[in-house]
Amino acid sequence: MKNPNPPPQRPPAGGKPPAAGAARKSRWGPPPPAAAGAAAPAGDKAASTSARTPTPTHSADSRRHPAAPAPAPLARNPASPAAALRPPTHQQPAETPPPPPYGFHNLDRRTMLLADGTVRTYFALPPDYPFESAPLPPFPHLPRAAPDLWPPHQPPPQYMPMPMPPHDAKRKHPADQDEGFPRHPKQSRHDAPRHPPQPLPHATVDRHALRRAFLKYAKMLNESSAQRRSYLEGGRVPCLACGRSSKDFADVHGLVMHTYSPPNAESFVDHLGLHKALCVLMGWDFTKVPENSKGYQSLPANLVRANREDLIVWPPTVIIQNTATGRKKDGRCEGLGNKDMDKKMAELGFYGGKSKSLYGKEGHLGLTLIKFADNLAGLKEAERLAEFLERQGHGRIGWSRAQASHSLDSDQNPSLFETDNRTGERKRILYGYLAIASDLGELDSDSRKRAFLKSRRESDPSD
């Protein structure tokens, strides 16, 4: 029988190429099917198997430069203490369930009424929306540490009680009347010596010196109308006690804080006097500590008026308004003179006062001062005249109403003129009130310089 797989023909010695029909053998690739089948004998079962399954080939690079072997996995030492705490190499990642699907169709349209009356619309989930909490991933189980991971526990040294000194005094136990137990003597405390609480410096101030400082600065605040207005308007103001400029105080509250807690003790009395004078001027409560709050600034109107009217001009002076009688041909104003006013006061039944009419560039100012004696009798007479005019509605409040209702130059003003029923003569209505600290600006310069303030509630004969 002829061999179905003849051996391949060798190339001729002359180097001629083989015939076109012969298969070419490659030195790098697998043998052709004919050559593979011819290499095995006919009855060999292993050769037929290799002919069906070709052997893998390797490229020239792999043969010349073989690849480095893969690193072997690190071997774990089961006896090592750290191996017990080392987590496993491969763990299945925990699967988190997807969140429940919801979209715009799950939202509810809601409306909300605002304070200005407008209605706003917003969207929100319904109150009964089924929220399902996602389960937490399982925590990886870590084995317990090996007993040889830490050094063995060493017990602390035994406590040695300190020996107590002998003490003769014994405290009897209630259950045992005869036997007692020793008690350690009390140790003396080395604390700082306790001193009696020091009174506030405000309480140790001389009351007479404080009153004199208060009256002094109250006059200084009210002498000039422009200066008084600057404090009432609440801008930057200087300190009259120590001379600090207005740049140091943003407002009157900052100045009050400074005067209540002055920087040095030498001008302590002066600053406290200025503090009280400022509070009376502004209508604040000087009995409350200012600190950092402004609660002291709230004071009832009746107390504000009482505090301001308590500071009277001394010697006692009554200011009579609306004493002008007309104008001269040259345009200058004329009014009641000193003798005419003394005669008028005598007709009303008031004696002991001395009149002084005030004049300016345009003539008579329509204002007359009636000064009384600087004693208790003169004060009572001045108060009696002021109360008489107040009962007729011609006091301080009546004069304010007359100024606000009509012009003072109008001769037809019923608040300024009245007609005598017997003679039919028109004459001026006199208004008057007791001069207080806020009236110092209305006095003339000589009277303002000679006058000073006095408190009726805190009157002291020695002042």
Protein backbone atom coordinates (compact mmCIF):
# COMPACT_ATOMS: atom_id res chain seq x y z
CA MET A 1 0.00 0.00 0.00
CA LYS A 2 1.33 3.37 -0.89
CA ASN A 3 2.09 5.85 1.98
CA PRO A 4 -0.46 8.63 1.86
CA ASN A 5 1.92 11.09 3.46
CA PRO A 6 5.23 10.89 1.59
CA PRO A 7 8.19 12.68 3.15
CA PRO A 8 8.93 16.17 1.96
CA GLN A 9 11.30 16.54 -0.92
CA ARG A 10 14.66 18.07 -0.24
CA PRO A 11 15.66 21.05 -2.23
CA PRO A 12 18.06 20.30 -4.99
CA ALA A 13 21.69 21.00 -4.49
CA GLY A 14 21.75 23.65 -7.12
CA GLY A 15 19.51 25.93 -5.04
CA LYS A 16 16.61 25.83 -7.41
CA PRO A 17 13.24 26.52 -5.94
CA PRO A 18 10.89 23.63 -5.49
CA ALA A 19 8.05 22.97 -7.78
CA ALA A 20 4.95 25.08 -7.65
CA GLY A 21 2.82 22.27 -6.44
CA ALA A 22 5.01 21.36 -3.48
CA ALA A 23 4.22 22.80 -0.05
CA ARG A 24 6.75 25.21 1.48
CA LYS A 25 8.05 24.40 4.92
CA SER A 26 8.48 27.26 7.38
CA ARG A 27 11.07 27.10 10.04
CA TRP A 28 9.01 29.31 12.40
CA GLY A 29 5.44 28.07 11.86
CA PRO A 30 3.77 24.70 12.44
CA PRO A 31 4.38 21.97 9.90
CA PRO A 32 1.89 21.64 7.09
CA PRO A 33 -0.83 19.04 7.42
CA ALA A 34 0.86 16.74 4.94
CA ALA A 35 4.15 16.84 6.73
CA ALA A 36 2.57 16.33 10.12
CA GLY A 37 0.71 13.33 8.94
CA ALA A 38 3.80 11.80 7.35
CA ALA A 39 5.87 12.05 10.51
CA ALA A 40 3.79 9.52 12.40
CA PRO A 41 3.40 5.87 11.63
CA ALA A 42 0.09 4.65 10.35
CA GLY A 43 -0.97 2.62 13.35
CA ASP A 44 0.13 4.99 16.17
CA LYS A 45 -2.78 6.53 18.08
CA ALA A 46 -0.66 9.30 19.66
CA ALA A 47 0.49 10.54 16.29
CA SER A 48 -3.07 10.93 15.08
CA THR A 49 -3.92 12.95 18.15
CA SER A 50 -1.05 15.34 17.59
CA ALA A 51 -2.12 15.75 14.01
CA ARG A 52 -5.55 16.84 15.11
CA THR A 53 -4.28 19.23 17.81
CA PRO A 54 -1.42 21.46 16.59
CA THR A 55 1.32 22.26 19.08
CA PRO A 56 1.66 25.90 20.19
CA THR A 57 4.50 27.84 18.68
CA HIS A 58 6.62 30.60 20.13
CA SER A 59 7.89 33.67 18.36
CA ALA A 60 11.53 34.38 17.87
CA ASP A 61 11.54 37.09 20.60
CA SER A 62 10.11 34.75 23.17
CA ARG A 63 12.75 32.20 22.39
CA ARG A 64 15.65 34.61 22.47
CA HIS A 65 14.41 36.70 25.45
CA PRO A 66 12.15 34.67 27.67
CA ALA A 67 9.72 36.66 29.86
CA ALA A 68 10.36 37.03 33.57
CA PRO A 69 8.43 34.61 35.70
CA ALA A 70 5.38 36.03 37.50
CA PRO A 71 5.99 36.86 41.18
CA ALA A 72 4.69 34.29 43.51
CA PRO A 73 2.06 35.44 46.07
CA LEU A 74 3.41 36.38 49.44
CA ALA A 75 3.13 33.54 51.82
CA ARG A 76 1.28 34.27 55.03
CA ASN A 77 2.70 33.17 58.25
CA PRO A 78 -0.19 31.72 60.22
CA ALA A 79 1.85 31.89 63.37
CA SER A 80 2.47 35.66 63.04
CA PRO A 81 0.34 37.88 65.38
CA ALA A 82 -0.20 40.49 62.67
CA ALA A 83 -1.63 37.88 60.30
CA ALA A 84 -4.65 37.50 62.57
CA LEU A 85 -5.50 41.19 62.20
CA ARG A 86 -4.81 41.39 58.47
CA PRO A 87 -8.08 41.51 56.47
CA PRO A 88 -8.70 38.92 53.80
CA THR A 89 -7.15 39.59 50.41
CA HIS A 90 -10.26 39.36 48.24
CA GLN A 91 -13.66 40.52 49.48
CA GLN A 92 -16.85 40.78 47.62
CA PRO A 93 -17.93 44.47 47.49
CA ALA A 94 -21.19 45.10 49.24
CA GLU A 95 -24.03 45.78 46.90
CA THR A 96 -26.12 48.87 47.81
CA PRO A 97 -29.70 48.69 46.56
CA PRO A 98 -30.62 51.50 44.18
CA PRO A 99 -32.63 54.42 45.63
CA PRO A 100 -36.37 54.39 45.10
CA PRO A 101 -37.21 56.09 41.81
CA TYR A 102 -39.11 59.33 41.98
CA GLY A 103 -39.53 62.21 39.62
CA PHE A 104 -41.43 65.41 39.01
CA HIS A 105 -44.71 63.54 38.88
CA ASN A 106 -44.27 62.52 42.55
CA LEU A 107 -44.21 66.15 43.79
CA ASP A 108 -47.20 68.07 45.10
CA ARG A 109 -47.88 71.69 44.22
CA ARG A 110 -48.27 73.81 47.38
CA THR A 111 -48.94 77.50 47.99
CA MET A 112 -47.72 79.80 50.76
CA LEU A 113 -49.10 83.22 51.78
CA LEU A 114 -46.35 85.76 52.55
CA ALA A 115 -46.56 88.69 54.95
CA ASP A 116 -46.95 91.23 52.14
CA GLY A 117 -50.05 89.43 50.80
CA THR A 118 -48.41 87.70 47.85
CA VAL A 119 -48.85 83.98 47.20
CA ARG A 120 -45.86 81.82 46.30
CA THR A 121 -45.97 78.31 44.81
CA TYR A 122 -43.47 75.55 45.54
CA PHE A 123 -43.18 71.79 45.03
CA ALA A 124 -42.56 69.18 47.72
CA LEU A 125 -42.87 65.45 48.24
CA PRO A 126 -46.22 64.25 49.58
CA PRO A 127 -46.33 63.67 53.32
CA ASP A 128 -47.10 59.96 52.85
CA TYR A 129 -44.20 59.31 50.44
CA PRO A 130 -42.75 55.81 51.19
CA PHE A 131 -39.18 56.39 52.15
CA GLU A 132 -37.23 53.17 52.41
CA SER A 133 -33.99 53.29 54.28
CA ALA A 134 -31.11 51.71 52.40
CA PRO A 135 -29.44 48.88 54.33
CA LEU A 136 -25.90 49.48 55.43
CA PRO A 137 -23.16 47.28 53.92
CA PRO A 138 -21.99 44.49 56.22
CA PHE A 139 -18.99 45.35 58.31
CA PRO A 140 -16.04 43.06 57.53
CA HIS A 141 -15.43 40.54 60.24
CA LEU A 142 -12.01 40.94 61.84
CA PRO A 143 -10.64 38.14 63.92
CA ARG A 144 -9.53 38.80 67.41
CA ALA A 145 -5.94 39.73 68.06
CA ALA A 146 -3.56 37.00 68.99
CA PRO A 147 -2.66 36.86 72.65
CA ASP A 148 1.02 37.44 71.83
CA LEU A 149 0.37 40.72 69.98
CA TRP A 150 0.87 42.87 73.08
CA PRO A 151 3.20 42.18 75.96
CA PRO A 152 1.67 40.48 78.94
CA HIS A 153 -0.13 42.76 81.40
CA GLN A 154 1.95 43.78 84.34
CA PRO A 155 0.02 44.49 87.53
CA PRO A 156 0.64 47.88 89.15
CA PRO A 157 2.81 48.01 92.22
CA GLN A 158 1.07 47.46 95.47
CA TYR A 159 -0.26 50.60 97.16
CA MET A 160 1.60 51.43 100.28
CA PRO A 161 -0.55 53.56 102.60
CA MET A 162 1.19 56.48 104.17
CA PRO A 163 1.52 56.23 107.93
CA MET A 164 -0.82 58.60 109.76
CA PRO A 165 0.59 60.64 112.60
CA PRO A 166 -0.77 59.77 116.00
CA HIS A 167 -3.63 61.90 117.18
CA ASP A 168 -5.16 61.84 120.61
CA ALA A 169 -8.55 63.21 119.64
CA LYS A 170 -11.04 60.49 118.81
CA ARG A 171 -14.45 60.77 117.27
CA LYS A 172 -17.09 58.57 118.85
CA HIS A 173 -19.13 56.41 116.53
CA PRO A 174 -22.88 56.49 117.15
CA ALA A 175 -23.10 52.68 117.27
CA ASP A 176 -20.20 52.28 119.66
CA GLN A 177 -20.12 54.59 122.64
CA ASP A 178 -16.88 53.29 124.06
CA GLU A 179 -14.66 52.72 121.05
CA GLY A 180 -13.79 55.41 118.58
CA PHE A 181 -11.69 55.70 115.48
CA PRO A 182 -8.74 57.99 114.97
CA ARG A 183 -9.28 60.97 112.73
CA HIS A 184 -6.65 62.76 110.77
CA PRO A 185 -6.21 66.33 111.97
CA LYS A 186 -7.46 69.04 109.67
CA GLN A 187 -4.80 70.73 107.62
CA SER A 188 -4.61 74.50 107.81
CA ARG A 189 -5.61 76.20 104.57
CA HIS A 190 -3.13 78.68 103.22
CA ASP A 191 -5.58 80.83 101.31
CA ALA A 192 -5.25 84.50 100.66
CA PRO A 193 -6.46 86.58 103.58
CA ARG A 194 -10.04 87.64 103.19
CA HIS A 195 -10.59 91.36 103.22
CA PRO A 196 -13.97 92.96 103.83
CA PRO A 197 -15.70 93.97 100.59
CA GLN A 198 -14.64 97.42 99.56
CA PRO A 199 -17.51 99.83 98.99
CA LEU A 200 -17.96 101.31 95.58
CA PRO A 201 -16.00 104.53 95.07
CA HIS A 202 -19.26 106.28 94.22
CA ALA A 203 -20.52 105.65 97.75
CA THR A 204 -17.44 107.18 99.39
CA VAL A 205 -17.66 110.52 97.58
CA ASP A 206 -18.33 113.60 99.68
CA ARG A 207 -21.96 114.57 99.05
CA HIS A 208 -21.35 118.28 99.45
CA ALA A 209 -18.47 118.24 96.96
CA LEU A 210 -20.53 116.18 94.53
CA ARG A 211 -23.47 118.59 94.74
CA ARG A 212 -21.23 121.59 94.11
CA ALA A 213 -19.67 119.86 91.07
CA PHE A 214 -23.11 118.96 89.75
CA LEU A 215 -24.39 122.54 89.98
CA LYS A 216 -21.17 123.89 88.47
CA TYR A 217 -21.35 121.72 85.35
CA ALA A 218 -25.10 122.12 85.03
CA LYS A 219 -24.55 125.86 84.67
CA MET A 220 -21.73 125.33 82.17
CA LEU A 221 -23.96 123.12 80.00
CA ASN A 222 -26.79 125.67 79.94
CA GLU A 223 -24.91 128.99 79.76
CA SER A 224 -24.71 128.97 75.97
CA SER A 225 -27.71 128.12 73.84
CA ALA A 226 -25.48 126.76 71.07
CA GLN A 227 -23.55 124.51 73.47
CA ARG A 228 -26.76 123.24 75.06
CA ARG A 229 -28.17 122.48 71.62
CA SER A 230 -25.04 120.52 70.63
CA TYR A 231 -25.51 118.17 73.59
CA LEU A 232 -29.23 117.76 73.00
CA GLU A 233 -28.72 116.88 69.33
CA GLY A 234 -26.56 113.90 70.31
CA GLY A 235 -23.42 114.51 68.24
CA ARG A 236 -19.76 114.46 69.22
CA VAL A 237 -19.24 116.50 72.37
CA PRO A 238 -16.19 117.19 74.58
CA CYS A 239 -15.72 116.40 78.25
CA LEU A 240 -15.89 119.53 80.39
CA ALA A 241 -14.33 117.79 83.42
CA CYS A 242 -10.98 116.68 81.95
CA GLY A 243 -10.90 118.63 78.69
CA ARG A 244 -10.85 115.63 76.34
CA SER A 245 -11.93 116.59 72.83
CA SER A 246 -15.07 115.51 71.08
CA LYS A 247 -13.07 113.07 68.89
CA ASP A 248 -12.90 110.65 71.82
CA PHE A 249 -16.69 110.32 72.21
CA ALA A 250 -19.01 109.36 69.38
CA ASP A 251 -22.12 110.58 71.20
CA VAL A 252 -23.43 111.67 74.60
CA HIS A 253 -23.80 108.03 75.69
CA GLY A 254 -20.07 107.49 75.27
CA LEU A 255 -19.41 110.66 77.29
CA VAL A 256 -21.75 109.45 80.06
CA MET A 257 -19.87 106.13 80.20
CA HIS A 258 -16.61 108.08 80.53
CA THR A 259 -17.88 110.38 83.27
CA TYR A 260 -19.30 107.52 85.35
CA SER A 261 -15.98 105.61 85.25
CA PRO A 262 -13.25 108.27 84.92
CA PRO A 263 -9.67 107.24 84.13
CA ASN A 264 -8.14 108.66 87.34
CA ALA A 265 -9.24 109.28 90.90
CA GLU A 266 -8.16 112.92 91.02
CA SER A 267 -11.09 114.14 88.90
CA PHE A 268 -13.55 111.53 90.15
CA VAL A 269 -15.88 114.02 91.84
CA ASP A 270 -15.89 116.37 88.84
CA HIS A 271 -16.73 113.55 86.45
CA LEU A 272 -19.59 112.31 88.63
CA GLY A 273 -20.97 115.84 88.84
CA LEU A 274 -20.80 116.14 85.05
CA HIS A 275 -22.50 112.74 84.74
CA LYS A 276 -25.49 113.89 86.75
CA ALA A 277 -25.66 117.23 84.94
CA LEU A 278 -25.66 115.46 81.56
CA CYS A 279 -28.45 113.08 82.62
CA VAL A 280 -30.61 115.97 83.85
CA LEU A 281 -30.01 117.89 80.64
CA MET A 282 -30.83 114.90 78.41
CA GLY A 283 -33.77 113.73 80.53
CA TRP A 284 -32.12 110.46 81.63
CA ASP A 285 -32.08 108.62 84.93
CA PHE A 286 -28.82 109.44 86.72
CA THR A 287 -29.56 106.91 89.52
CA LYS A 288 -29.01 103.91 87.20
CA VAL A 289 -25.57 102.63 86.28
CA PRO A 290 -25.04 103.22 82.54
CA GLU A 291 -22.63 100.27 81.94
CA ASN A 292 -22.96 99.22 78.28
CA SER A 293 -26.75 99.34 77.96
CA LYS A 294 -28.94 102.37 77.43
CA GLY A 295 -31.71 101.40 79.83
CA TYR A 296 -30.98 104.46 81.97
CA GLN A 297 -32.21 106.67 79.14
CA SER A 298 -35.86 105.72 79.69
CA LEU A 299 -37.41 108.07 82.27
CA PRO A 300 -41.05 109.17 82.59
CA ALA A 301 -41.85 112.65 81.31
CA ASN A 302 -43.06 113.90 84.69
CA LEU A 303 -39.75 112.95 86.33
CA VAL A 304 -37.80 114.58 83.51
CA ARG A 305 -39.70 117.81 84.04
CA ALA A 306 -39.29 117.62 87.82
CA ASN A 307 -35.50 117.14 87.53
CA ARG A 308 -35.17 120.11 85.19
CA GLU A 309 -37.37 122.45 87.20
CA ASP A 310 -35.51 121.55 90.39
CA LEU A 311 -32.44 123.54 89.24
CA ILE A 312 -33.40 127.21 89.76
CA VAL A 313 -31.37 130.32 89.07
CA TRP A 314 -30.02 131.97 92.21
CA PRO A 315 -30.78 134.67 93.32
CA PRO A 316 -34.42 133.71 92.64
CA THR A 317 -35.50 135.30 89.36
CA VAL A 318 -38.87 135.49 87.63
CA ILE A 319 -38.81 136.06 83.86
CA ILE A 320 -41.69 138.24 82.60
CA GLN A 321 -42.45 137.92 78.88
CA ASN A 322 -44.47 140.12 76.48
CA THR A 323 -43.51 143.47 78.06
CA ALA A 324 -43.03 145.31 74.73
CA THR A 325 -45.47 148.15 74.04
CA GLY A 326 -44.79 148.98 70.38
CA ARG A 327 -42.26 150.60 68.06
CA LYS A 328 -40.91 154.11 67.82
CA LYS A 329 -40.75 156.20 64.65
CA ASP A 330 -37.20 155.04 64.00
CA GLY A 331 -38.35 151.38 64.08
CA ARG A 332 -36.84 150.51 67.45
CA CYS A 333 -38.98 148.55 69.91
CA GLU A 334 -40.09 150.08 73.18
CA GLY A 335 -41.58 148.45 76.26
CA LEU A 336 -42.16 148.69 79.98
CA GLY A 337 -39.22 150.15 81.88
CA ASN A 338 -37.94 149.20 85.30
CA LYS A 339 -40.12 151.69 87.21
CA ASP A 340 -43.24 150.79 85.24
CA MET A 341 -42.70 147.10 85.94
CA ASP A 342 -42.13 147.72 89.68
CA LYS A 343 -45.39 149.65 89.74
CA LYS A 344 -47.15 146.84 87.92
CA MET A 345 -45.89 144.26 90.44
CA ALA A 346 -47.03 146.42 93.32
CA GLU A 347 -50.51 146.61 91.77
CA LEU A 348 -50.59 142.81 91.67
CA GLY A 349 -49.56 142.61 95.33
CA PHE A 350 -45.96 141.40 95.03
CA TYR A 351 -43.15 143.26 96.76
CA GLY A 352 -39.44 142.74 97.32
CA GLY A 353 -38.50 142.26 93.68
CA LYS A 354 -36.24 144.45 91.57
CA SER A 355 -37.05 144.77 87.85
CA LYS A 356 -34.49 144.82 85.06
CA SER A 357 -35.63 145.29 81.46
CA LEU A 358 -33.45 143.78 78.74
CA TYR A 359 -32.50 145.65 75.57
CA GLY A 360 -30.82 144.62 72.35
CA LYS A 361 -29.79 146.12 69.01
CA GLU A 362 -33.39 146.68 67.99
CA GLY A 363 -34.45 148.18 71.31
CA HIS A 364 -36.59 146.60 73.99
CA LEU A 365 -36.56 142.79 73.86
CA GLY A 366 -40.03 142.45 75.43
CA LEU A 367 -38.47 140.64 78.42
CA THR A 368 -38.04 141.82 82.00
CA LEU A 369 -36.25 140.12 84.89
CA ILE A 370 -37.54 140.44 88.45
CA LYS A 371 -34.86 139.49 90.94
CA PHE A 372 -35.66 138.72 94.56
CA ALA A 373 -33.47 138.48 97.64
CA ASP A 374 -31.07 135.54 97.80
CA ASN A 375 -32.63 134.00 100.89
CA LEU A 376 -35.54 131.78 101.77
CA ALA A 377 -38.00 134.71 101.95
CA GLY A 378 -36.99 135.90 98.48
CA LEU A 379 -37.45 132.34 97.12
CA LYS A 380 -40.94 132.09 98.59
CA GLU A 381 -41.95 135.45 97.11
CA ALA A 382 -40.63 134.46 93.67
CA GLU A 383 -42.48 131.11 93.83
CA ARG A 384 -45.68 132.89 94.83
CA LEU A 385 -45.49 135.21 91.80
CA ALA A 386 -44.79 132.29 89.44
CA GLU A 387 -47.70 130.27 90.86
CA PHE A 388 -50.03 133.27 90.49
CA LEU A 389 -49.26 133.58 86.79
CA GLU A 390 -49.51 129.81 86.32
CA ARG A 391 -53.01 129.67 87.80
CA GLN A 392 -54.15 132.27 85.27
CA GLY A 393 -52.75 130.19 82.42
CA HIS A 394 -49.95 132.68 81.86
CA GLY A 395 -47.06 130.55 83.04
CA ARG A 396 -44.38 128.65 81.14
CA ILE A 397 -46.82 126.34 79.35
CA GLY A 398 -49.12 129.26 78.44
CA TRP A 399 -46.22 131.21 76.96
CA SER A 400 -45.19 128.20 74.84
CA ARG A 401 -48.73 127.96 73.48
CA ALA A 402 -48.83 131.68 72.71
CA GLN A 403 -45.56 131.40 70.78
CA ALA A 404 -46.77 128.41 68.78
CA SER A 405 -50.26 129.72 67.94
CA HIS A 406 -49.62 133.17 66.43
CA SER A 407 -46.86 135.56 65.50
CA LEU A 408 -45.54 137.78 68.27
CA ASP A 409 -45.57 140.85 66.02
CA SER A 410 -49.30 140.61 65.39
CA ASP A 411 -51.28 143.24 67.31
CA GLN A 412 -54.47 141.24 66.79
CA ASN A 413 -53.21 138.17 68.60
CA PRO A 414 -55.75 137.39 71.36
CA SER A 415 -53.07 135.46 73.28
CA LEU A 416 -50.93 138.60 73.64
CA PHE A 417 -53.51 141.37 74.09
CA GLU A 418 -56.59 141.87 76.20
CA THR A 419 -59.17 144.67 76.43
CA ASP A 420 -60.13 146.38 79.68
CA ASN A 421 -63.90 146.13 80.23
CA ARG A 422 -64.12 149.48 82.08
CA THR A 423 -61.90 151.69 79.97
CA GLY A 424 -61.80 149.71 76.71
CA GLU A 425 -58.04 150.03 76.61
CA ARG A 426 -56.00 147.27 74.98
CA LYS A 427 -53.02 146.13 77.00
CA ARG A 428 -50.44 143.40 76.91
CA ILE A 429 -50.91 140.04 78.72
CA LEU A 430 -47.95 139.35 80.95
CA TYR A 431 -46.51 135.82 81.08
CA GLY A 432 -44.01 134.78 83.72
CA TYR A 433 -42.23 131.77 85.23
CA LEU A 434 -39.45 131.01 87.66
CA ALA A 435 -36.05 130.93 85.93
CA ILE A 436 -34.38 127.50 85.84
CA ALA A 437 -31.13 126.18 84.38
CA SER A 438 -32.47 125.97 80.83
CA ASP A 439 -33.38 129.70 80.97
CA LEU A 440 -29.81 130.91 81.47
CA GLY A 441 -29.54 131.67 77.77
CA GLU A 442 -32.33 134.26 78.05
CA LEU A 443 -30.52 136.32 80.70
CA ASP A 444 -28.18 139.14 79.87
CA SER A 445 -24.44 138.58 80.13
CA ASP A 446 -24.05 140.39 83.45
CA SER A 447 -26.91 138.53 85.12
CA ARG A 448 -25.68 135.20 83.70
CA LYS A 449 -22.20 135.80 85.05
CA ARG A 450 -23.37 136.72 88.56
CA ALA A 451 -26.02 133.99 88.84
CA PHE A 452 -25.50 130.36 89.79
CA LEU A 453 -27.75 127.32 90.10
CA LYS A 454 -29.30 125.81 93.17
CA SER A 455 -31.33 122.66 93.79
CA ARG A 456 -34.55 123.11 95.72
CA ARG A 457 -34.61 119.47 96.84
CA GLU A 458 -30.98 119.48 97.98
CA SER A 459 -30.78 123.01 99.27
CA ASP A 460 -27.96 123.58 101.73
CA PRO A 461 -27.73 126.87 103.66
CA SER A 462 -23.93 126.59 103.66
CA ASP A 463 -23.73 126.74 99.85
